[in-house]
Amino acid sequence: MLHEQELEVRQGIWIDREWLRDAGLGGRLHVLIQPGEIRILPGAGAAEQSGTTLGWDIFRTLGDEATPGQLPDAAVDHDRYLYGKHP
């Protein structure tokens, strides 16, 4: 999808996050400046960063629908409860 807009430079140019997302660019950017052109490209590690961010978002949702446990001090004695090992 092509977005085109003419902007008047005042103190700088603001690029909307939505535009960056529509362009498939992540949170890290590489800016290339040449005479008559400024090019914005995905930064090094952008694909890994977005995958990492997505992974953490999924991880954080894992306990959203969990039922409360019945074990006392499960966080303290997790080895014993999970693996049958005693500290």
Protein backbone atom coordinates (compact mmCIF):
# COMPACT_ATOMS: atom_id res chain seq x y z
CA MET A 1 0.00 0.00 0.00
CA LEU A 2 1.48 3.33 -1.02
CA HIS A 3 1.14 6.28 1.34
CA GLU A 4 2.18 9.64 0.02
CA GLN A 5 2.06 12.94 1.83
CA GLU A 6 3.83 16.24 1.36
CA LEU A 7 5.15 17.69 4.62
CA GLU A 8 6.31 21.17 5.53
CA VAL A 9 9.56 21.11 7.49
CA ARG A 10 9.37 23.32 10.57
CA GLN A 11 11.76 21.96 13.19
CA GLY A 12 11.89 18.43 11.85
CA ILE A 13 9.70 15.72 10.39
CA TRP A 14 7.54 13.38 12.43
CA ILE A 15 7.02 9.86 11.07
CA ASP A 16 3.99 8.14 12.55
CA ARG A 17 4.51 4.75 14.21
CA GLU A 18 1.62 3.49 12.09
CA TRP A 19 3.55 4.40 8.92
CA LEU A 20 6.59 2.51 10.20
CA ARG A 21 4.43 -0.52 11.03
CA ASP A 22 2.71 -0.39 7.61
CA ALA A 23 6.16 -0.34 6.01
CA GLY A 24 7.15 -3.44 7.98
CA LEU A 25 9.81 -1.60 9.99
CA GLY A 26 10.41 -2.52 13.63
CA GLY A 27 11.60 -0.55 16.62
CA ARG A 28 15.22 -0.36 15.45
CA LEU A 29 15.91 1.63 12.29
CA HIS A 30 18.88 2.27 10.03
CA VAL A 31 18.83 5.75 8.45
CA LEU A 32 20.83 6.26 5.25
CA ILE A 33 21.45 9.87 4.19
CA GLN A 34 22.53 10.72 0.66
CA PRO A 35 22.27 13.92 -1.37
CA GLY A 36 18.57 14.39 -2.15
CA GLU A 37 17.47 11.27 -0.27
CA ILE A 38 16.94 9.96 3.24
CA ARG A 39 16.21 6.24 3.37
CA ILE A 40 14.83 4.44 6.45
CA LEU A 41 15.56 0.70 6.62
CA PRO A 42 15.12 -1.99 9.25
CA GLY A 43 17.97 -1.84 11.75
CA ALA A 44 20.38 -4.69 12.40
CA GLY A 45 18.69 -7.25 14.62
CA ALA A 46 15.21 -5.79 13.95
CA ALA A 47 13.79 -9.19 13.01
CA GLU A 48 15.26 -10.80 16.12
CA GLN A 49 14.04 -7.95 18.30
CA SER A 50 10.47 -8.19 17.03
CA GLY A 51 10.55 -11.98 17.46
CA THR A 52 11.90 -11.58 20.98
CA THR A 53 9.25 -9.01 21.83
CA LEU A 54 6.54 -11.28 20.44
CA GLY A 55 7.93 -14.21 22.44
CA TRP A 56 7.85 -12.26 25.71
CA ASP A 57 4.31 -11.08 24.98
CA ILE A 58 3.20 -14.69 24.51
CA PHE A 59 5.09 -15.80 27.64
CA ARG A 60 3.40 -13.11 29.74
CA THR A 61 -0.05 -14.39 28.72
CA LEU A 62 0.56 -18.00 29.77
CA GLY A 63 -0.79 -17.56 33.29
CA ASP A 64 -3.74 -15.35 32.36
CA GLU A 65 -6.28 -18.17 32.57
CA ALA A 66 -4.53 -20.37 35.14
CA THR A 67 -6.50 -21.69 38.07
CA PRO A 68 -5.08 -20.97 41.52
CA GLY A 69 -2.86 -23.75 42.87
CA GLN A 70 -3.35 -25.62 46.13
CA LEU A 71 0.32 -25.98 47.15
CA PRO A 72 1.74 -23.79 49.91
CA ASP A 73 5.06 -22.07 49.15
CA ALA A 74 5.17 -23.42 45.59
CA ALA A 75 7.54 -20.66 44.48
CA VAL A 76 9.95 -21.40 47.34
CA ASP A 77 9.82 -25.21 47.01
CA HIS A 78 9.36 -25.44 43.25
CA ASP A 79 12.01 -28.18 42.81
CA ARG A 80 10.26 -30.43 45.28
CA TYR A 81 6.82 -29.87 43.73
CA LEU A 82 7.94 -30.14 40.10
CA TYR A 83 10.68 -32.74 40.21
CA GLY A 84 10.19 -34.54 43.50
CA LYS A 85 13.62 -33.31 44.63
CA HIS A 86 14.21 -32.07 48.14
CA PRO A 87 16.59 -29.16 48.76
